[in-house]
Amino acid sequence: VDECNLKNPCTGRLNTECHNTNGSFECHCVSGYEDIDGQCQRATLWPDYNSTYLVKLNGSYPQTIPLQFPIGFPFYNRVYRQIN
C-alpha cells in the first residue's frame, strides 16, 4: 500500500514531499530546503568564492550572515567547496 498516494500525510508540513516506505511513509524536505528543528527551511547559500558572508533565505527575504574567519583562513577553499 502506498500511503503517499492514498492520502498525502505530509500536506501539513510546508516544503515537504512524501516518500513511501514498506508499511509506512517518510516526509522529506524538497530540494533547496533543509530540516531545521523539524521544519523545512530554505538552505544556506554561499554567493561566491570570495564572499565573507553566507546568505540564508528565510521565507521570502535573504538574511546575510557574516563569517567568523577571513578569506585567508587555511581551510577557506575547502569549506567553500563542501558547501557547494
PDB file of N, CA and C in Angstrom:
ATOM      1  N   VAL A   1       0.848  -1.182   0.000  1.00  0.00           N
ATOM      2  CA  VAL A   1       0.000   0.000   0.000  1.00  0.00           C
ATOM      3  C   VAL A   1       0.889   1.239   0.000  1.00  0.00           C
ATOM      4  N   ASP A   2       0.581   2.175  -0.864  1.00  0.00           N
ATOM      5  CA  ASP A   2       1.331   3.426  -0.936  1.00  0.00           C
ATOM      6  C   ASP A   2       0.578   4.498  -0.153  1.00  0.00           C
ATOM      7  N   GLU A   3       1.019   4.746   1.063  1.00  0.00           N
ATOM      8  CA  GLU A   3       0.368   5.727   1.929  1.00  0.00           C
ATOM      9  C   GLU A   3       0.406   7.134   1.337  1.00  0.00           C
ATOM     10  N   CYS A   4       1.421   7.421   0.551  1.00  0.00           N
ATOM     11  CA  CYS A   4       1.556   8.760  -0.041  1.00  0.00           C
ATOM     12  C   CYS A   4       0.493   9.016  -1.106  1.00  0.00           C
ATOM     13  N   ASN A   5       0.101   7.979  -1.850  1.00  0.00           N
ATOM     14  CA  ASN A   5      -0.914   8.147  -2.893  1.00  0.00           C
ATOM     15  C   ASN A   5      -2.327   8.133  -2.341  1.00  0.00           C
ATOM     16  N   LEU A   6      -2.557   7.368  -1.284  1.00  0.00           N
ATOM     17  CA  LEU A   6      -3.899   7.297  -0.716  1.00  0.00           C
ATOM     18  C   LEU A   6      -4.303   8.623  -0.090  1.00  0.00           C
ATOM     19  N   LYS A   7      -3.449   9.130   0.750  1.00  0.00           N
ATOM     20  CA  LYS A   7      -3.699  10.398   1.443  1.00  0.00           C
ATOM     21  C   LYS A   7      -2.331  10.946   1.800  1.00  0.00           C
ATOM     22  N   ASN A   8      -1.929  12.029   1.183  1.00  0.00           N
ATOM     23  CA  ASN A   8      -0.587  12.556   1.427  1.00  0.00           C
ATOM     24  C   ASN A   8      -0.470  13.050   2.869  1.00  0.00           C
ATOM     25  N   PRO A   9       0.232  12.292   3.706  1.00  0.00           N
ATOM     26  CA  PRO A   9       0.341  12.652   5.121  1.00  0.00           C
ATOM     27  C   PRO A   9       1.284  13.824   5.386  1.00  0.00           C
ATOM     28  N   CYS A  10       1.982  14.300   4.362  1.00  0.00           N
ATOM     29  CA  CYS A  10       2.940  15.397   4.555  1.00  0.00           C
ATOM     30  C   CYS A  10       2.340  16.763   4.257  1.00  0.00           C
ATOM     31  N   THR A  11       1.079  16.823   3.877  1.00  0.00           N
ATOM     32  CA  THR A  11       0.494  18.099   3.475  1.00  0.00           C
ATOM     33  C   THR A  11       0.453  19.113   4.611  1.00  0.00           C
ATOM     34  N   GLY A  12       0.518  18.690   5.853  1.00  0.00           N
ATOM     35  CA  GLY A  12       0.508  19.618   6.986  1.00  0.00           C
ATOM     36  C   GLY A  12       1.846  20.298   7.214  1.00  0.00           C
ATOM     37  N   ARG A  13       2.903  19.784   6.615  1.00  0.00           N
ATOM     38  CA  ARG A  13       4.245  20.371   6.757  1.00  0.00           C
ATOM     39  C   ARG A  13       4.617  21.076   5.463  1.00  0.00           C
ATOM     40  N   LEU A  14       5.036  22.317   5.564  1.00  0.00           N
ATOM     41  CA  LEU A  14       5.411  23.092   4.385  1.00  0.00           C
ATOM     42  C   LEU A  14       6.723  22.602   3.787  1.00  0.00           C
ATOM     43  N   ASN A  15       6.819  22.674   2.484  1.00  0.00           N
ATOM     44  CA  ASN A  15       8.049  22.377   1.732  1.00  0.00           C
ATOM     45  C   ASN A  15       8.533  20.939   1.901  1.00  0.00           C
ATOM     46  N   THR A  16       7.594  19.998   1.989  1.00  0.00           N
ATOM     47  CA  THR A  16       7.955  18.586   2.123  1.00  0.00           C
ATOM     48  C   THR A  16       7.334  17.777   0.995  1.00  0.00           C
ATOM     49  N   GLU A  17       7.869  16.577   0.829  1.00  0.00           N
ATOM     50  CA  GLU A  17       7.287  15.608  -0.084  1.00  0.00           C
ATOM     51  C   GLU A  17       7.279  14.256   0.613  1.00  0.00           C
ATOM     52  N   CYS A  18       6.312  13.442   0.260  1.00  0.00           N
ATOM     53  CA  CYS A  18       6.129  12.143   0.894  1.00  0.00           C
ATOM     54  C   CYS A  18       6.916  11.070   0.144  1.00  0.00           C
ATOM     55  N   HIS A  19       7.582  10.205   0.901  1.00  0.00           N
ATOM     56  CA  HIS A  19       8.298   9.054   0.343  1.00  0.00           C
ATOM     57  C   HIS A  19       7.721   7.797   0.985  1.00  0.00           C
ATOM     58  N   ASN A  20       7.196   6.926   0.147  1.00  0.00           N
ATOM     59  CA  ASN A  20       6.606   5.691   0.638  1.00  0.00           C
ATOM     60  C   ASN A  20       7.694   4.729   1.097  1.00  0.00           C
ATOM     61  N   THR A  21       7.478   4.075   2.223  1.00  0.00           N
ATOM     62  CA  THR A  21       8.375   3.033   2.719  1.00  0.00           C
ATOM     63  C   THR A  21       7.556   1.772   2.937  1.00  0.00           C
ATOM     64  N   ASN A  22       8.188   0.684   3.267  1.00  0.00           N
ATOM     65  CA  ASN A  22       7.499  -0.579   3.486  1.00  0.00           C
ATOM     66  C   ASN A  22       6.609  -0.471   4.724  1.00  0.00           C
ATOM     67  N   GLY A  23       5.308  -0.327   4.510  1.00  0.00           N
ATOM     68  CA  GLY A  23       4.351  -0.265   5.602  1.00  0.00           C
ATOM     69  C   GLY A  23       4.219   1.098   6.257  1.00  0.00           C
ATOM     70  N   SER A  24       4.867   2.116   5.719  1.00  0.00           N
ATOM     71  CA  SER A  24       4.789   3.440   6.335  1.00  0.00           C
ATOM     72  C   SER A  24       5.139   4.511   5.298  1.00  0.00           C
ATOM     73  N   PHE A  25       5.591   5.649   5.766  1.00  0.00           N
ATOM     74  CA  PHE A  25       5.984   6.754   4.894  1.00  0.00           C
ATOM     75  C   PHE A  25       6.964   7.639   5.651  1.00  0.00           C
ATOM     76  N   GLU A  26       7.656   8.496   4.905  1.00  0.00           N
ATOM     77  CA  GLU A  26       8.545   9.495   5.496  1.00  0.00           C
ATOM     78  C   GLU A  26       8.328  10.807   4.764  1.00  0.00           C
ATOM     79  N   CYS A  27       8.389  11.900   5.493  1.00  0.00           N
ATOM     80  CA  CYS A  27       8.306  13.229   4.897  1.00  0.00           C
ATOM     81  C   CYS A  27       9.716  13.798   4.822  1.00  0.00           C
ATOM     82  N   HIS A  28      10.143  14.192   3.624  1.00  0.00           N
ATOM     83  CA  HIS A  28      11.468  14.774   3.412  1.00  0.00           C
ATOM     84  C   HIS A  28      11.312  16.184   2.867  1.00  0.00           C
ATOM     85  N   CYS A  29      12.279  17.021   3.156  1.00  0.00           N
ATOM     86  CA  CYS A  29      12.287  18.381   2.616  1.00  0.00           C
ATOM     87  C   CYS A  29      12.515  18.332   1.109  1.00  0.00           C
ATOM     88  N   VAL A  30      11.836  19.203   0.385  1.00  0.00           N
ATOM     89  CA  VAL A  30      12.031  19.285  -1.058  1.00  0.00           C
ATOM     90  C   VAL A  30      13.400  19.890  -1.352  1.00  0.00           C
ATOM     91  N   SER A  31      13.841  19.768  -2.585  1.00  0.00           N
ATOM     92  CA  SER A  31      15.144  20.274  -2.995  1.00  0.00           C
ATOM     93  C   SER A  31      15.266  21.773  -2.702  1.00  0.00           C
ATOM     94  N   GLY A  32      16.414  22.167  -2.146  1.00  0.00           N
ATOM     95  CA  GLY A  32      16.649  23.565  -1.809  1.00  0.00           C
ATOM     96  C   GLY A  32      16.257  23.918  -0.391  1.00  0.00           C
ATOM     97  N   TYR A  33      15.696  22.947   0.334  1.00  0.00           N
ATOM     98  CA  TYR A  33      15.284  23.163   1.715  1.00  0.00           C
ATOM     99  C   TYR A  33      15.998  22.166   2.610  1.00  0.00           C
ATOM    100  N   GLU A  34      16.154  22.518   3.877  1.00  0.00           N
ATOM    101  CA  GLU A  34      16.790  21.626   4.837  1.00  0.00           C
ATOM    102  C   GLU A  34      15.964  21.583   6.112  1.00  0.00           C
ATOM    103  N   ASP A  35      16.019  20.456   6.793  1.00  0.00           N
ATOM    104  CA  ASP A  35      15.272  20.279   8.032  1.00  0.00           C
ATOM    105  C   ASP A  35      16.002  20.994   9.160  1.00  0.00           C
ATOM    106  N   ILE A  36      15.376  22.014   9.705  1.00  0.00           N
ATOM    107  CA  ILE A  36      15.924  22.757  10.835  1.00  0.00           C
ATOM    108  C   ILE A  36      14.872  22.734  11.928  1.00  0.00           C
ATOM    109  N   ASP A  37      15.175  22.006  12.992  1.00  0.00           N
ATOM    110  CA  ASP A  37      14.250  21.876  14.124  1.00  0.00           C
ATOM    111  C   ASP A  37      12.874  21.385  13.692  1.00  0.00           C
ATOM    112  N   GLY A  38      12.847  20.411  12.783  1.00  0.00           N
ATOM    113  CA  GLY A  38      11.589  19.801  12.375  1.00  0.00           C
ATOM    114  C   GLY A  38      10.808  20.575  11.327  1.00  0.00           C
ATOM    115  N   GLN A  39      11.360  21.673  10.810  1.00  0.00           N
ATOM    116  CA  GLN A  39      10.697  22.451   9.769  1.00  0.00           C
ATOM    117  C   GLN A  39      11.622  22.572   8.567  1.00  0.00           C
ATOM    118  N   CYS A  40      11.058  22.470   7.383  1.00  0.00           N
ATOM    119  CA  CYS A  40      11.859  22.597   6.166  1.00  0.00           C
ATOM    120  C   CYS A  40      12.014  24.073   5.822  1.00  0.00           C
ATOM    121  N   GLN A  41      13.255  24.545   5.919  1.00  0.00           N
ATOM    122  CA  GLN A  41      13.553  25.945   5.632  1.00  0.00           C
ATOM    123  C   GLN A  41      14.540  26.009   4.484  1.00  0.00           C
ATOM    124  N   ARG A  42      14.553  27.144   3.797  1.00  0.00           N
ATOM    125  CA  ARG A  42      15.467  27.287   2.660  1.00  0.00           C
ATOM    126  C   ARG A  42      16.902  27.066   3.095  1.00  0.00           C
ATOM    127  N   ALA A  43      17.656  26.417   2.226  1.00  0.00           N
ATOM    128  CA  ALA A  43      19.046  26.084   2.523  1.00  0.00           C
ATOM    129  C   ALA A  43      19.922  27.330   2.505  1.00  0.00           C
ATOM    130  N   THR A  44      21.042  27.249   3.206  1.00  0.00           N
ATOM    131  CA  THR A  44      22.016  28.334   3.240  1.00  0.00           C
ATOM    132  C   THR A  44      22.822  28.330   1.952  1.00  0.00           C
ATOM    133  N   LEU A  45      23.038  29.487   1.388  1.00  0.00           N
ATOM    134  CA  LEU A  45      23.783  29.618   0.140  1.00  0.00           C
ATOM    135  C   LEU A  45      25.063  30.402   0.374  1.00  0.00           C
ATOM    136  N   TRP A  46      26.082  30.083  -0.368  1.00  0.00           N
ATOM    137  CA  TRP A  46      27.333  30.834  -0.346  1.00  0.00           C
ATOM    138  C   TRP A  46      27.408  31.520  -1.696  1.00  0.00           C
ATOM    139  N   PRO A  47      27.191  32.852  -1.750  1.00  0.00           N
ATOM    140  CA  PRO A  47      27.013  33.512  -3.039  1.00  0.00           C
ATOM    141  C   PRO A  47      28.185  33.436  -4.009  1.00  0.00           C
ATOM    142  N   ASP A  48      29.418  33.556  -3.550  1.00  0.00           N
ATOM    143  CA  ASP A  48      30.541  33.460  -4.473  1.00  0.00           C
ATOM    144  C   ASP A  48      31.819  33.105  -3.718  1.00  0.00           C
ATOM    145  N   TYR A  49      32.834  32.722  -4.472  1.00  0.00           N
ATOM    146  CA  TYR A  49      34.082  32.221  -3.904  1.00  0.00           C
ATOM    147  C   TYR A  49      34.760  33.212  -2.964  1.00  0.00           C
ATOM    148  N   ASN A  50      34.721  34.506  -3.282  1.00  0.00           N
ATOM    149  CA  ASN A  50      35.425  35.499  -2.479  1.00  0.00           C
ATOM    150  C   ASN A  50      34.575  36.109  -1.368  1.00  0.00           C
ATOM    151  N   SER A  51      33.369  35.635  -1.191  1.00  0.00           N
ATOM    152  CA  SER A  51      32.471  36.226  -0.206  1.00  0.00           C
ATOM    153  C   SER A  51      32.878  35.876   1.220  1.00  0.00           C
ATOM    154  N   THR A  52      32.672  36.808   2.115  1.00  0.00           N
ATOM    155  CA  THR A  52      32.870  36.541   3.545  1.00  0.00           C
ATOM    156  C   THR A  52      31.515  36.519   4.238  1.00  0.00           C
ATOM    157  N   TYR A  53      30.458  36.289   3.473  1.00  0.00           N
ATOM    158  CA  TYR A  53      29.106  36.240   4.018  1.00  0.00           C
ATOM    159  C   TYR A  53      28.380  34.999   3.511  1.00  0.00           C
ATOM    160  N   LEU A  54      27.511  34.480   4.338  1.00  0.00           N
ATOM    161  CA  LEU A  54      26.567  33.455   3.915  1.00  0.00           C
ATOM    162  C   LEU A  54      25.242  34.152   3.691  1.00  0.00           C
ATOM    163  N   VAL A  55      24.420  33.617   2.812  1.00  0.00           N
ATOM    164  CA  VAL A  55      23.085  34.151   2.612  1.00  0.00           C
ATOM    165  C   VAL A  55      22.106  33.052   2.959  1.00  0.00           C
ATOM    166  N   LYS A  56      21.263  33.300   3.933  1.00  0.00           N
ATOM    167  CA  LYS A  56      20.252  32.333   4.322  1.00  0.00           C
ATOM    168  C   LYS A  56      18.908  32.876   3.860  1.00  0.00           C
ATOM    169  N   LEU A  57      18.216  32.108   3.031  1.00  0.00           N
ATOM    170  CA  LEU A  57      16.919  32.538   2.542  1.00  0.00           C
ATOM    171  C   LEU A  57      15.877  32.138   3.566  1.00  0.00           C
ATOM    172  N   ASN A  58      15.411  33.114   4.315  1.00  0.00           N
ATOM    173  CA  ASN A  58      14.471  32.884   5.404  1.00  0.00           C
ATOM    174  C   ASN A  58      13.092  33.330   4.935  1.00  0.00           C
ATOM    175  N   GLY A  59      12.268  32.386   4.522  1.00  0.00           N
ATOM    176  CA  GLY A  59      10.992  32.754   3.940  1.00  0.00           C
ATOM    177  C   GLY A  59      11.222  33.340   2.563  1.00  0.00           C
ATOM    178  N   SER A  60      10.800  34.572   2.335  1.00  0.00           N
ATOM    179  CA  SER A  60      10.959  35.178   1.016  1.00  0.00           C
ATOM    180  C   SER A  60      12.037  36.251   0.974  1.00  0.00           C
ATOM    181  N   TYR A  61      12.737  36.479   2.077  1.00  0.00           N
ATOM    182  CA  TYR A  61      13.773  37.512   2.069  1.00  0.00           C
ATOM    183  C   TYR A  61      15.118  36.924   2.486  1.00  0.00           C
ATOM    184  N   PRO A  62      16.224  37.428   1.892  1.00  0.00           N
ATOM    185  CA  PRO A  62      17.551  36.912   2.260  1.00  0.00           C
ATOM    186  C   PRO A  62      18.073  37.541   3.546  1.00  0.00           C
ATOM    187  N   GLN A  63      18.767  36.748   4.324  1.00  0.00           N
ATOM    188  CA  GLN A  63      19.409  37.216   5.547  1.00  0.00           C
ATOM    189  C   GLN A  63      20.906  37.007   5.359  1.00  0.00           C
ATOM    190  N   THR A  64      21.700  38.067   5.458  1.00  0.00           N
ATOM    191  CA  THR A  64      23.143  37.981   5.272  1.00  0.00           C
ATOM    192  C   THR A  64      23.812  37.746   6.616  1.00  0.00           C
ATOM    193  N   ILE A  65      24.679  36.742   6.675  1.00  0.00           N
ATOM    194  CA  ILE A  65      25.350  36.367   7.915  1.00  0.00           C
ATOM    195  C   ILE A  65      26.854  36.490   7.707  1.00  0.00           C
ATOM    196  N   PRO A  66      27.550  37.395   8.440  1.00  0.00           N
ATOM    197  CA  PRO A  66      28.999  37.495   8.272  1.00  0.00           C
ATOM    198  C   PRO A  66      29.701  36.250   8.801  1.00  0.00           C
ATOM    199  N   LEU A  67      30.755  35.839   8.116  1.00  0.00           N
ATOM    200  CA  LEU A  67      31.537  34.690   8.554  1.00  0.00           C
ATOM    201  C   LEU A  67      32.514  35.105   9.639  1.00  0.00           C
ATOM    202  N   GLN A  68      32.964  34.142  10.408  1.00  0.00           N
ATOM    203  CA  GLN A  68      33.850  34.419  11.522  1.00  0.00           C
ATOM    204  C   GLN A  68      35.316  34.190  11.195  1.00  0.00           C
ATOM    205  N   PHE A  69      35.651  33.924   9.928  1.00  0.00           N
ATOM    206  CA  PHE A  69      37.053  33.763   9.561  1.00  0.00           C
ATOM    207  C   PHE A  69      37.327  34.498   8.253  1.00  0.00           C
ATOM    208  N   PRO A  70      38.533  35.024   8.097  1.00  0.00           N
ATOM    209  CA  PRO A  70      38.863  35.767   6.881  1.00  0.00           C
ATOM    210  C   PRO A  70      39.097  34.829   5.698  1.00  0.00           C
ATOM    211  N   ILE A  71      39.099  35.395   4.505  1.00  0.00           N
ATOM    212  CA  ILE A  71      39.319  34.598   3.294  1.00  0.00           C
ATOM    213  C   ILE A  71      40.676  33.904   3.333  1.00  0.00           C
ATOM    214  N   GLY A  72      41.666  34.495   3.971  1.00  0.00           N
ATOM    215  CA  GLY A  72      42.990  33.894   4.049  1.00  0.00           C
ATOM    216  C   GLY A  72      43.075  32.701   4.973  1.00  0.00           C
ATOM    217  N   PHE A  73      42.003  32.380   5.665  1.00  0.00           N
ATOM    218  CA  PHE A  73      41.962  31.232   6.568  1.00  0.00           C
ATOM    219  C   PHE A  73      42.395  29.978   5.801  1.00  0.00           C
ATOM    220  N   PRO A  74      43.266  29.128   6.386  1.00  0.00           N
ATOM    221  CA  PRO A  74      43.851  27.998   5.643  1.00  0.00           C
ATOM    222  C   PRO A  74      42.846  27.046   4.984  1.00  0.00           C
ATOM    223  N   PHE A  75      41.681  26.852   5.563  1.00  0.00           N
ATOM    224  CA  PHE A  75      40.740  25.876   5.016  1.00  0.00           C
ATOM    225  C   PHE A  75      39.584  26.533   4.268  1.00  0.00           C
ATOM    226  N   TYR A  76      39.691  27.811   3.963  1.00  0.00           N
ATOM    227  CA  TYR A  76      38.597  28.548   3.316  1.00  0.00           C
ATOM    228  C   TYR A  76      38.139  27.870   2.023  1.00  0.00           C
ATOM    229  N   ASN A  77      39.058  27.538   1.155  1.00  0.00           N
ATOM    230  CA  ASN A  77      38.707  26.929  -0.126  1.00  0.00           C
ATOM    231  C   ASN A  77      37.991  25.598   0.076  1.00  0.00           C
ATOM    232  N   ARG A  78      38.433  24.807   1.016  1.00  0.00           N
ATOM    233  CA  ARG A  78      37.788  23.509   1.272  1.00  0.00           C
ATOM    234  C   ARG A  78      36.384  23.696   1.827  1.00  0.00           C
ATOM    235  N   VAL A  79      36.207  24.647   2.732  1.00  0.00           N
ATOM    236  CA  VAL A  79      34.879  24.900   3.296  1.00  0.00           C
ATOM    237  C   VAL A  79      33.928  25.336   2.191  1.00  0.00           C
ATOM    238  N   TYR A  80      34.372  26.237   1.337  1.00  0.00           N
ATOM    239  CA  TYR A  80      33.547  26.726   0.233  1.00  0.00           C
ATOM    240  C   TYR A  80      33.087  25.570  -0.660  1.00  0.00           C
ATOM    241  N   ARG A  81      33.997  24.701  -1.013  1.00  0.00           N
ATOM    242  CA  ARG A  81      33.645  23.598  -1.915  1.00  0.00           C
ATOM    243  C   ARG A  81      32.727  22.583  -1.246  1.00  0.00           C
ATOM    244  N   GLN A  82      32.857  22.384   0.051  1.00  0.00           N
ATOM    245  CA  GLN A  82      31.973  21.459   0.751  1.00  0.00           C
ATOM    246  C   GLN A  82      30.543  21.980   0.784  1.00  0.00           C
ATOM    247  N   ILE A  83      30.374  23.291   0.937  1.00  0.00           N
ATOM    248  CA  ILE A  83      29.028  23.860   0.987  1.00  0.00           C
ATOM    249  C   ILE A  83      28.362  23.774  -0.370  1.00  0.00           C
ATOM    250  N   ASN A  84      29.126  23.989  -1.428  1.00  0.00           N
ATOM    251  CA  ASN A  84      28.540  23.891  -2.763  1.00  0.00           C
ATOM    252  C   ASN A  84      28.380  22.439  -3.117  1.00  0.00           C
TER     253      ASN A  84
END
